[in-house]
Amino acid sequence: MNDLVAVLISKYNYWVYIILMMIGFYAIITKKNLVKKIIGMNIVQTAIILFYISIGAKKGATLPIISHGHDAVGHAVHASDYINPLPHVLMLTAIVVAVATLGVALALAIKIYRQYNTLEEDEIHTRIREQ
């Protein structure tokens, strides 16, 4: 039992990401205001980005830069000695996509507000049915 608790405590960052994702999903599912749903979507995106950045980190590893000097001569290169840069690079792209998604979603929310004078889902649905 103590080993299980030690493992759970050592992986606290994963619990933070799970909690963030659940907060975002809660906002998306239960809130009726479109801006609150958009914020929930952004929280989920942030949790996923943080998760991928954390799995790309490695203790005791170095950057994957191999110099042509004394390090590379006569020594085999072991991939386990280096940090994998791919998750970090992909998350830079994900951050750009998240910002663009947030901007488009907020622009659509402004357009919806101008047309229906509300951001509440129920009121928008009733006004659409009345048309």
Protein backbone atom coordinates (compact mmCIF):
# COMPACT_ATOMS: atom_id res chain seq x y z
CA MET A 1 0.00 0.00 0.00
CA ASN A 2 2.85 2.38 0.81
CA ASP A 3 4.44 1.65 -2.57
CA LEU A 4 1.20 2.61 -4.32
CA VAL A 5 0.99 5.88 -2.40
CA ALA A 6 4.64 6.63 -3.18
CA VAL A 7 4.04 6.04 -6.89
CA LEU A 8 0.91 8.22 -6.88
CA ILE A 9 2.73 11.03 -5.08
CA SER A 10 5.74 10.79 -7.39
CA LYS A 11 3.45 11.28 -10.40
CA TYR A 12 1.66 14.33 -8.97
CA ASN A 13 2.02 16.27 -12.21
CA TYR A 14 -0.20 13.74 -14.00
CA TRP A 15 -2.87 14.24 -11.35
CA VAL A 16 -2.71 17.99 -11.97
CA TYR A 17 -3.30 17.42 -15.69
CA ILE A 18 -6.19 15.07 -14.99
CA ILE A 19 -7.79 17.61 -12.65
CA LEU A 20 -7.33 20.38 -15.23
CA MET A 21 -8.90 18.22 -17.93
CA MET A 22 -11.86 17.36 -15.71
CA ILE A 23 -12.40 21.06 -14.90
CA GLY A 24 -12.36 21.85 -18.62
CA PHE A 25 -14.71 18.97 -19.48
CA TYR A 26 -17.03 20.04 -16.66
CA ALA A 27 -17.17 23.56 -18.07
CA ILE A 28 -17.81 22.31 -21.60
CA ILE A 29 -20.57 19.90 -20.60
CA THR A 30 -22.45 21.74 -17.84
CA LYS A 31 -22.15 25.45 -18.57
CA LYS A 32 -24.75 27.06 -20.83
CA ASN A 33 -22.79 30.24 -21.58
CA LEU A 34 -20.73 30.00 -24.77
CA VAL A 35 -17.79 31.97 -23.37
CA LYS A 36 -17.57 29.61 -20.39
CA LYS A 37 -17.57 26.66 -22.80
CA ILE A 38 -14.77 28.28 -24.79
CA ILE A 39 -12.74 28.80 -21.61
CA GLY A 40 -13.33 25.14 -20.71
CA MET A 41 -12.08 24.10 -24.14
CA ASN A 42 -8.97 26.22 -23.64
CA ILE A 43 -8.34 24.63 -20.21
CA VAL A 44 -8.51 21.15 -21.79
CA GLN A 45 -6.08 22.20 -24.53
CA THR A 46 -3.67 23.60 -21.94
CA ALA A 47 -3.81 20.41 -19.86
CA ILE A 48 -3.00 18.30 -22.92
CA ILE A 49 -0.09 20.56 -23.87
CA LEU A 50 1.31 20.40 -20.32
CA PHE A 51 0.96 16.62 -20.33
CA TYR A 52 2.93 16.20 -23.54
CA ILE A 53 5.64 18.60 -22.40
CA SER A 54 6.04 16.67 -19.15
CA ILE A 55 6.39 13.30 -20.87
CA GLY A 56 9.11 14.77 -23.07
CA ALA A 57 11.27 15.61 -20.06
CA LYS A 58 13.90 13.16 -18.83
CA LYS A 59 16.08 13.32 -15.72
CA GLY A 60 19.79 13.14 -16.31
CA ALA A 61 19.48 13.65 -20.06
CA THR A 62 20.96 16.38 -22.19
CA LEU A 63 20.04 18.22 -25.35
CA PRO A 64 20.35 16.18 -28.56
CA ILE A 65 23.22 18.22 -29.95
CA ILE A 66 26.21 16.14 -30.98
CA SER A 67 29.34 18.13 -31.52
CA HIS A 68 31.87 17.01 -34.08
CA GLY A 69 34.73 17.56 -31.68
CA HIS A 70 35.90 15.31 -28.89
CA ASP A 71 32.43 13.97 -27.91
CA ALA A 72 31.69 12.23 -31.17
CA VAL A 73 35.10 10.70 -31.77
CA GLY A 74 35.35 7.09 -30.69
CA HIS A 75 32.15 7.10 -28.64
CA ALA A 76 28.86 5.51 -29.54
CA VAL A 77 25.83 7.76 -29.35
CA HIS A 78 23.06 6.38 -27.14
CA ALA A 79 19.60 7.80 -27.71
CA SER A 80 18.71 7.20 -24.06
CA ASP A 81 21.22 9.89 -23.04
CA TYR A 82 19.28 12.62 -24.84
CA ILE A 83 15.94 14.39 -24.42
CA ASN A 84 13.44 13.74 -27.20
CA PRO A 85 12.71 17.19 -28.69
CA LEU A 86 9.72 16.03 -30.75
CA PRO A 87 7.01 16.44 -28.05
CA HIS A 88 8.23 19.96 -27.30
CA VAL A 89 8.26 20.95 -30.96
CA LEU A 90 4.81 19.51 -31.54
CA MET A 91 3.47 21.35 -28.51
CA LEU A 92 4.75 24.64 -29.90
CA THR A 93 2.53 23.94 -32.89
CA ALA A 94 -0.32 22.94 -30.56
CA ILE A 95 0.00 26.24 -28.70
CA VAL A 96 -0.35 28.16 -31.97
CA VAL A 97 -3.39 26.05 -32.91
CA ALA A 98 -4.92 26.59 -29.45
CA VAL A 99 -4.51 30.36 -29.70
CA ALA A 100 -6.00 30.37 -33.21
CA THR A 101 -8.90 28.17 -32.07
CA LEU A 102 -9.54 30.47 -29.13
CA GLY A 103 -9.52 33.52 -31.38
CA VAL A 104 -11.94 31.99 -33.90
CA ALA A 105 -14.24 30.74 -31.14
CA LEU A 106 -14.36 34.16 -29.47
CA ALA A 107 -14.99 35.84 -32.84
CA LEU A 108 -17.90 33.46 -33.44
CA ALA A 109 -19.21 34.19 -29.95
CA ILE A 110 -19.15 37.93 -30.73
CA LYS A 111 -21.02 37.29 -33.99
CA ILE A 112 -23.61 35.16 -32.17
CA TYR A 113 -24.04 37.82 -29.50
CA ARG A 114 -24.59 40.53 -32.12
CA GLN A 115 -27.25 38.44 -33.85
CA TYR A 116 -29.10 37.02 -30.82
CA ASN A 117 -28.15 39.49 -28.02
CA THR A 118 -27.24 36.60 -25.74
CA LEU A 119 -24.59 33.94 -25.23
CA GLU A 120 -26.83 31.49 -23.35
CA GLU A 121 -27.41 28.26 -25.29
CA ASP A 122 -31.04 27.80 -24.29
CA GLU A 123 -32.02 31.32 -25.35
CA ILE A 124 -30.19 30.96 -28.66
CA HIS A 125 -31.98 27.65 -29.37
CA THR A 126 -35.40 29.17 -28.63
CA ARG A 127 -34.68 32.18 -30.83
CA ILE A 128 -33.54 29.92 -33.67
CA ARG A 129 -36.76 27.88 -33.39
CA GLU A 130 -38.86 31.07 -33.44
CA GLN A 131 -37.38 32.21 -36.75
